[in-house]
N, C-alpha and C. Protein backbone atom coordinates (compact mmCIF):
# COMPACT_ATOMS: atom_id res chain seq x y z
N UNK A 1 5.13 -51.37 -5.57
CA UNK A 1 5.14 -52.20 -6.47
C UNK A 1 3.90 -52.09 -7.24
N UNK A 2 3.85 -52.59 -8.23
CA UNK A 2 2.68 -52.61 -9.16
C UNK A 2 2.43 -53.33 -10.39
N UNK A 3 1.34 -54.03 -10.74
CA UNK A 3 0.89 -54.85 -11.56
C UNK A 3 0.53 -54.42 -12.76
N UNK A 4 1.07 -54.16 -13.86
CA UNK A 4 0.39 -53.83 -15.21
C UNK A 4 0.09 -54.64 -15.88
N UNK A 5 -1.61 -54.94 -16.30
CA UNK A 5 -2.05 -56.12 -17.28
C UNK A 5 -2.13 -54.76 -18.54
N UNK A 6 -1.69 -55.26 -19.57
CA UNK A 6 -2.09 -54.45 -20.52
C UNK A 6 -2.56 -55.66 -22.06
N UNK A 7 -3.84 -55.17 -22.49
CA UNK A 7 -4.26 -56.33 -23.16
C UNK A 7 -4.43 -55.80 -24.25
N UNK A 8 -3.44 -56.48 -25.11
CA UNK A 8 -3.48 -55.58 -26.60
C UNK A 8 -4.02 -56.98 -28.13
N UNK A 9 -3.97 -56.35 -28.84
CA UNK A 9 -4.40 -57.06 -30.51
C UNK A 9 -2.83 -57.87 -30.32
N UNK A 10 -3.80 -59.62 -30.55
CA UNK A 10 -2.65 -60.19 -30.72
C UNK A 10 -1.42 -60.11 -32.17
N UNK A 11 -1.69 -59.55 -33.21
CA UNK A 11 -0.66 -59.07 -33.92
C UNK A 11 0.63 -57.70 -33.79
N UNK A 12 0.03 -57.09 -32.39
CA UNK A 12 0.86 -55.94 -31.93
C UNK A 12 1.86 -56.83 -30.57
N UNK A 13 1.63 -57.69 -30.22
CA UNK A 13 2.10 -58.61 -29.19
C UNK A 13 3.91 -58.46 -29.23
N UNK A 14 4.33 -59.01 -30.61
CA UNK A 14 5.61 -59.08 -30.31
C UNK A 14 6.35 -57.82 -30.72
N UNK A 15 6.00 -56.90 -31.11
CA UNK A 15 6.05 -55.49 -31.31
C UNK A 15 6.32 -54.71 -29.78
N UNK A 16 5.16 -55.24 -29.13
CA UNK A 16 5.37 -54.16 -27.75
C UNK A 16 6.58 -55.19 -27.03
N UNK A 17 6.33 -56.52 -26.66
CA UNK A 17 7.09 -57.49 -25.91
C UNK A 17 8.81 -56.62 -26.62
N UNK A 18 9.04 -56.62 -27.72
CA UNK A 18 10.29 -56.08 -27.81
C UNK A 18 10.58 -54.83 -27.71
N UNK A 19 9.77 -53.92 -27.46
CA UNK A 19 9.56 -52.47 -27.07
C UNK A 19 9.71 -52.62 -25.80
N UNK A 20 9.12 -53.31 -25.30
CA UNK A 20 9.39 -53.54 -23.78
C UNK A 20 11.11 -53.98 -23.16
N UNK A 21 11.44 -54.77 -23.64
CA UNK A 21 12.58 -55.78 -23.68
C UNK A 21 13.50 -54.11 -23.72
N UNK A 22 13.81 -53.53 -24.74
CA UNK A 22 14.61 -52.50 -25.02
C UNK A 22 14.56 -51.68 -24.18
N UNK A 23 13.65 -51.57 -23.64
CA UNK A 23 13.52 -50.31 -22.38
C UNK A 23 13.64 -51.45 -20.72
N UNK A 24 14.22 -52.53 -21.00
CA UNK A 24 14.68 -53.12 -19.57
C UNK A 24 13.81 -54.03 -19.19
N UNK A 25 12.33 -54.04 -19.32
CA UNK A 25 11.91 -54.76 -19.17
C UNK A 25 11.43 -56.05 -19.50
N UNK A 26 12.47 -56.98 -19.58
CA UNK A 26 12.27 -58.79 -19.68
C UNK A 26 11.43 -59.60 -19.14
N UNK A 27 11.15 -59.64 -17.90
CA UNK A 27 10.24 -60.24 -17.18
C UNK A 27 8.98 -60.15 -17.52
N UNK A 28 7.90 -60.90 -18.12
CA UNK A 28 6.42 -60.74 -18.33
C UNK A 28 5.98 -61.97 -18.25
N UNK A 29 4.41 -61.70 -18.23
CA UNK A 29 3.87 -62.97 -18.14
C UNK A 29 2.77 -62.73 -19.43
N UNK A 30 2.80 -63.75 -20.68
CA UNK A 30 1.87 -63.39 -21.73
C UNK A 30 0.91 -64.52 -22.09
N UNK A 31 -0.41 -64.09 -21.74
CA UNK A 31 -1.57 -64.93 -21.74
C UNK A 31 -2.62 -64.64 -23.07
N UNK A 32 -3.23 -65.71 -23.68
CA UNK A 32 -3.79 -65.33 -24.78
C UNK A 32 -5.26 -65.54 -24.30
N UNK A 33 -6.16 -64.58 -24.66
CA UNK A 33 -7.33 -63.97 -23.88
C UNK A 33 -8.38 -63.78 -24.95
N UNK A 34 -10.14 -63.60 -24.52
CA UNK A 34 -10.86 -63.28 -25.56
C UNK A 34 -11.79 -62.59 -24.55
N UNK A 35 -12.21 -61.15 -25.05
CA UNK A 35 -12.90 -60.37 -24.43
C UNK A 35 -13.53 -59.33 -25.65
N UNK A 36 -14.59 -58.50 -24.97
CA UNK A 36 -14.81 -57.49 -25.86
C UNK A 36 -15.06 -55.91 -24.64
N UNK A 37 -14.99 -55.11 -25.89
CA UNK A 37 -15.09 -53.68 -25.60
C UNK A 37 -16.64 -53.07 -25.09
N UNK A 38 -16.24 -52.18 -24.81
CA UNK A 38 -17.89 -51.35 -25.07
C UNK A 38 -18.61 -51.21 -26.24
N UNK A 39 -17.87 -51.63 -27.71
CA UNK A 39 -18.52 -51.92 -29.07
C UNK A 39 -19.55 -53.03 -28.31
N UNK A 40 -19.33 -53.67 -27.69
CA UNK A 40 -19.59 -54.89 -27.52
C UNK A 40 -19.70 -56.32 -28.44
N UNK A 41 -18.35 -56.37 -29.09
CA UNK A 41 -18.04 -56.76 -30.21
C UNK A 41 -18.01 -55.96 -31.62
N UNK A 42 -17.72 -56.75 -32.64
CA UNK A 42 -17.48 -56.38 -34.21
C UNK A 42 -18.32 -57.01 -35.20
N UNK A 43 -18.77 -56.06 -36.00
CA UNK A 43 -19.46 -56.51 -37.13
C UNK A 43 -19.13 -56.68 -38.38
N UNK A 44 -18.53 -57.84 -39.15
CA UNK A 44 -18.12 -58.14 -40.51
C UNK A 44 -18.50 -58.52 -41.19
N UNK A 45 -18.85 -58.08 -42.47
CA UNK A 45 -19.34 -58.95 -43.60
C UNK A 45 -20.87 -59.44 -43.21
N UNK A 46 -21.58 -58.51 -42.34
CA UNK A 46 -22.95 -59.52 -41.88
C UNK A 46 -23.05 -60.31 -40.64
N UNK A 47 -21.47 -60.66 -40.12
CA UNK A 47 -21.13 -61.97 -39.52
C UNK A 47 -20.96 -60.57 -37.87
N UNK A 48 -21.54 -61.26 -36.90
CA UNK A 48 -21.42 -60.24 -35.85
C UNK A 48 -20.58 -61.20 -35.08
N UNK A 49 -19.11 -61.07 -34.32
CA UNK A 49 -18.41 -61.61 -33.47
C UNK A 49 -18.48 -60.64 -31.94
N UNK A 50 -18.88 -61.48 -31.18
CA UNK A 50 -19.07 -61.46 -29.96
C UNK A 50 -17.95 -60.99 -29.39
N UNK A 51 -16.69 -62.09 -29.06
CA UNK A 51 -15.74 -61.75 -28.63
C UNK A 51 -14.91 -61.96 -29.54
N UNK A 52 -13.54 -61.43 -29.25
CA UNK A 52 -12.24 -60.88 -30.19
C UNK A 52 -11.14 -61.67 -29.43
N UNK A 53 -10.00 -62.29 -30.02
CA UNK A 53 -8.64 -62.51 -29.60
C UNK A 53 -7.98 -61.41 -28.63
N UNK A 54 -7.38 -61.60 -27.56
CA UNK A 54 -6.20 -60.29 -27.63
C UNK A 54 -5.32 -61.25 -26.69
N UNK A 55 -4.17 -60.80 -26.36
CA UNK A 55 -3.19 -61.31 -25.42
C UNK A 55 -3.02 -60.19 -24.71
N UNK A 56 -2.99 -60.49 -22.90
CA UNK A 56 -2.70 -60.17 -21.93
C UNK A 56 -1.04 -60.47 -21.36
N UNK A 57 -0.68 -58.93 -21.29
CA UNK A 57 0.63 -59.11 -20.88
C UNK A 57 0.50 -58.42 -19.64
N UNK A 58 1.42 -59.22 -18.29
CA UNK A 58 1.22 -58.71 -16.96
C UNK A 58 2.74 -58.55 -16.62
N UNK A 59 3.09 -57.30 -16.40
CA UNK A 59 4.34 -56.89 -15.55
C UNK A 59 4.13 -56.21 -14.27
N UNK A 60 4.98 -56.95 -13.54
CA UNK A 60 5.54 -56.27 -12.07
C UNK A 60 6.69 -55.02 -12.09
N UNK A 61 6.31 -54.20 -11.85
CA UNK A 61 7.25 -53.54 -11.63
C UNK A 61 7.34 -52.25 -10.40
N UNK A 62 8.79 -51.59 -10.18
CA UNK A 62 8.23 -50.49 -9.28
C UNK A 62 8.02 -49.16 -9.93
N UNK A 63 7.00 -48.35 -8.92
CA UNK A 63 6.02 -47.68 -8.98
C UNK A 63 6.87 -46.64 -10.13
N UNK A 64 8.11 -45.97 -9.96
CA UNK A 64 8.63 -45.26 -10.84
C UNK A 64 8.90 -45.35 -12.22
N UNK A 65 8.53 -47.10 -12.65
CA UNK A 65 8.76 -47.34 -14.00
C UNK A 65 7.54 -47.44 -15.02
N UNK A 66 5.79 -47.25 -13.74
CA UNK A 66 4.80 -47.25 -14.29
C UNK A 66 4.53 -46.53 -15.71
N UNK A 67 5.04 -45.13 -15.74
CA UNK A 67 4.66 -44.41 -17.44
C UNK A 67 5.38 -44.93 -18.30
N UNK A 68 6.95 -45.27 -17.90
CA UNK A 68 7.60 -46.13 -19.02
C UNK A 68 6.86 -47.29 -19.76
N UNK A 69 6.56 -48.10 -18.78
CA UNK A 69 6.17 -49.30 -19.09
C UNK A 69 4.54 -48.62 -20.27
N UNK A 70 3.39 -47.86 -19.34
CA UNK A 70 2.12 -47.93 -19.88
C UNK A 70 2.32 -47.14 -21.26
N UNK A 71 3.43 -46.08 -21.27
CA UNK A 71 3.62 -45.68 -22.75
C UNK A 71 4.55 -46.47 -24.15
N UNK A 72 4.98 -47.24 -23.58
CA UNK A 72 5.40 -48.54 -24.07
C UNK A 72 4.47 -49.35 -25.29
N UNK A 73 3.83 -49.60 -24.14
CA UNK A 73 2.71 -50.23 -24.12
C UNK A 73 1.79 -49.90 -25.07
N UNK A 74 1.37 -48.54 -24.70
CA UNK A 74 0.47 -47.82 -25.70
C UNK A 74 1.16 -47.24 -27.41
N UNK A 75 1.78 -46.61 -26.92
CA UNK A 75 2.41 -46.05 -28.37
C UNK A 75 2.87 -47.69 -29.34
N UNK A 76 3.50 -48.81 -29.02
CA UNK A 76 3.68 -49.60 -29.66
C UNK A 76 2.60 -50.89 -30.02
N UNK A 77 1.23 -50.81 -29.13
CA UNK A 77 0.52 -51.29 -29.10
C UNK A 77 -0.92 -50.92 -30.26
N UNK A 78 -0.92 -49.37 -30.32
CA UNK A 78 -2.09 -48.75 -30.66
C UNK A 78 -1.81 -48.61 -32.12
N UNK A 79 -3.35 -49.36 -32.67
CA UNK A 79 -3.49 -49.15 -34.11
C UNK A 79 -4.30 -47.62 -34.47
N UNK A 80 -5.11 -47.15 -33.52
CA UNK A 80 -6.50 -45.85 -33.81
C UNK A 80 -7.46 -46.36 -34.00
N UNK A 81 -7.70 -47.86 -33.72
CA UNK A 81 -9.06 -48.42 -34.10
C UNK A 81 -9.89 -48.94 -33.25
N UNK A 82 -11.19 -49.11 -33.37
CA UNK A 82 -11.35 -50.11 -31.97
C UNK A 82 -10.93 -51.10 -31.52
N UNK A 83 -10.97 -51.46 -30.35
CA UNK A 83 -10.36 -53.11 -29.96
C UNK A 83 -8.85 -52.99 -29.53
N UNK A 84 -8.07 -51.75 -30.04
CA UNK A 84 -6.74 -51.61 -29.52
C UNK A 84 -6.01 -52.31 -28.31
N UNK A 85 -7.69 -51.87 -27.41
CA UNK A 85 -7.20 -52.72 -26.13
C UNK A 85 -7.09 -52.23 -24.52
N UNK A 86 -6.43 -52.40 -23.52
CA UNK A 86 -6.71 -51.76 -21.92
C UNK A 86 -5.84 -51.89 -21.58
N UNK A 87 -5.46 -51.27 -20.64
CA UNK A 87 -3.87 -51.36 -19.20
C UNK A 87 -4.70 -50.90 -18.09
N UNK A 88 -4.51 -51.92 -17.38
CA UNK A 88 -5.01 -51.78 -15.77
C UNK A 88 -3.67 -52.05 -15.01
N UNK A 89 -3.97 -51.14 -13.83
CA UNK A 89 -2.91 -50.91 -13.10
C UNK A 89 -3.25 -51.23 -11.72
N UNK A 90 -2.51 -52.53 -11.10
CA UNK A 90 -3.17 -52.41 -9.60
C UNK A 90 -2.03 -52.68 -8.59
N UNK A 91 -2.10 -52.31 -7.26
CA UNK A 91 -1.02 -52.81 -6.50
C UNK A 91 -0.45 -54.40 -6.05
N UNK A 92 0.57 -54.27 -5.66
CA UNK A 92 1.32 -56.02 -5.56
C UNK A 92 1.79 -55.63 -4.17
N UNK A 93 1.53 -56.22 -3.13
CA UNK A 93 1.56 -56.04 -1.83
C UNK A 93 3.18 -56.83 -1.22
N UNK A 94 3.24 -58.10 -2.16
CA UNK A 94 4.61 -58.97 -1.72
C UNK A 94 4.69 -59.82 -3.39
N UNK A 95 6.02 -60.49 -3.53
CA UNK A 95 6.43 -61.19 -4.29
C UNK A 95 7.23 -62.40 -3.47
N UNK A 96 7.08 -63.41 -3.94
CA UNK A 96 7.82 -64.81 -3.96
C UNK A 96 8.62 -65.51 -4.92
N UNK A 97 9.73 -65.43 -4.98
CA UNK A 97 10.10 -66.37 -6.26
C UNK A 97 10.17 -67.92 -5.40
N UNK A 98 9.64 -68.74 -6.42
CA UNK A 98 9.30 -70.20 -5.78
C UNK A 98 10.30 -71.29 -5.51
N UNK A 99 11.37 -70.98 -6.78
CA UNK A 99 12.41 -71.64 -6.51
C UNK A 99 13.61 -71.48 -5.05
N UNK A 100 13.61 -70.27 -4.59
CA UNK A 100 14.09 -69.79 -3.88
C UNK A 100 13.45 -69.69 -2.53
N UNK A 101 12.24 -69.07 -2.69
CA UNK A 101 11.18 -69.03 -1.30
C UNK A 101 12.00 -67.66 -0.98
N UNK A 102 12.43 -66.91 -2.20
CA UNK A 102 13.06 -65.48 -1.52
C UNK A 102 11.75 -64.41 -1.80
N UNK A 103 11.57 -63.53 -0.78
CA UNK A 103 10.69 -62.77 -1.07
C UNK A 103 10.97 -61.53 -1.77
N UNK A 104 10.33 -60.99 -2.62
CA UNK A 104 10.72 -59.59 -3.40
C UNK A 104 11.21 -60.20 -4.46
N UNK A 105 11.29 -58.78 -5.48
CA UNK A 105 11.26 -58.93 -7.06
C UNK A 105 12.56 -59.50 -7.20
């Protein structure tokens, strides 16, 4: 199992979430975040914005679904401009459902 954290532009979130749902990935966590990438912020009209708003989507899935999830996030989240976001993939050792105390996804 892997956790995929996709950090995307706020204006692309619903498009990405809807596309993930169409692919069968309906369980996710959505968190509003701020940050900056390699460009260290953004200059607009003489004003420097050090950190920009983003949304992080967290999805836990089986290893065989990683390409489907990442490709969907990239396809629907990409604008071709700086600040489109980043995807991080990390291993998940165990999961538990709190309500039932059941181990596993």
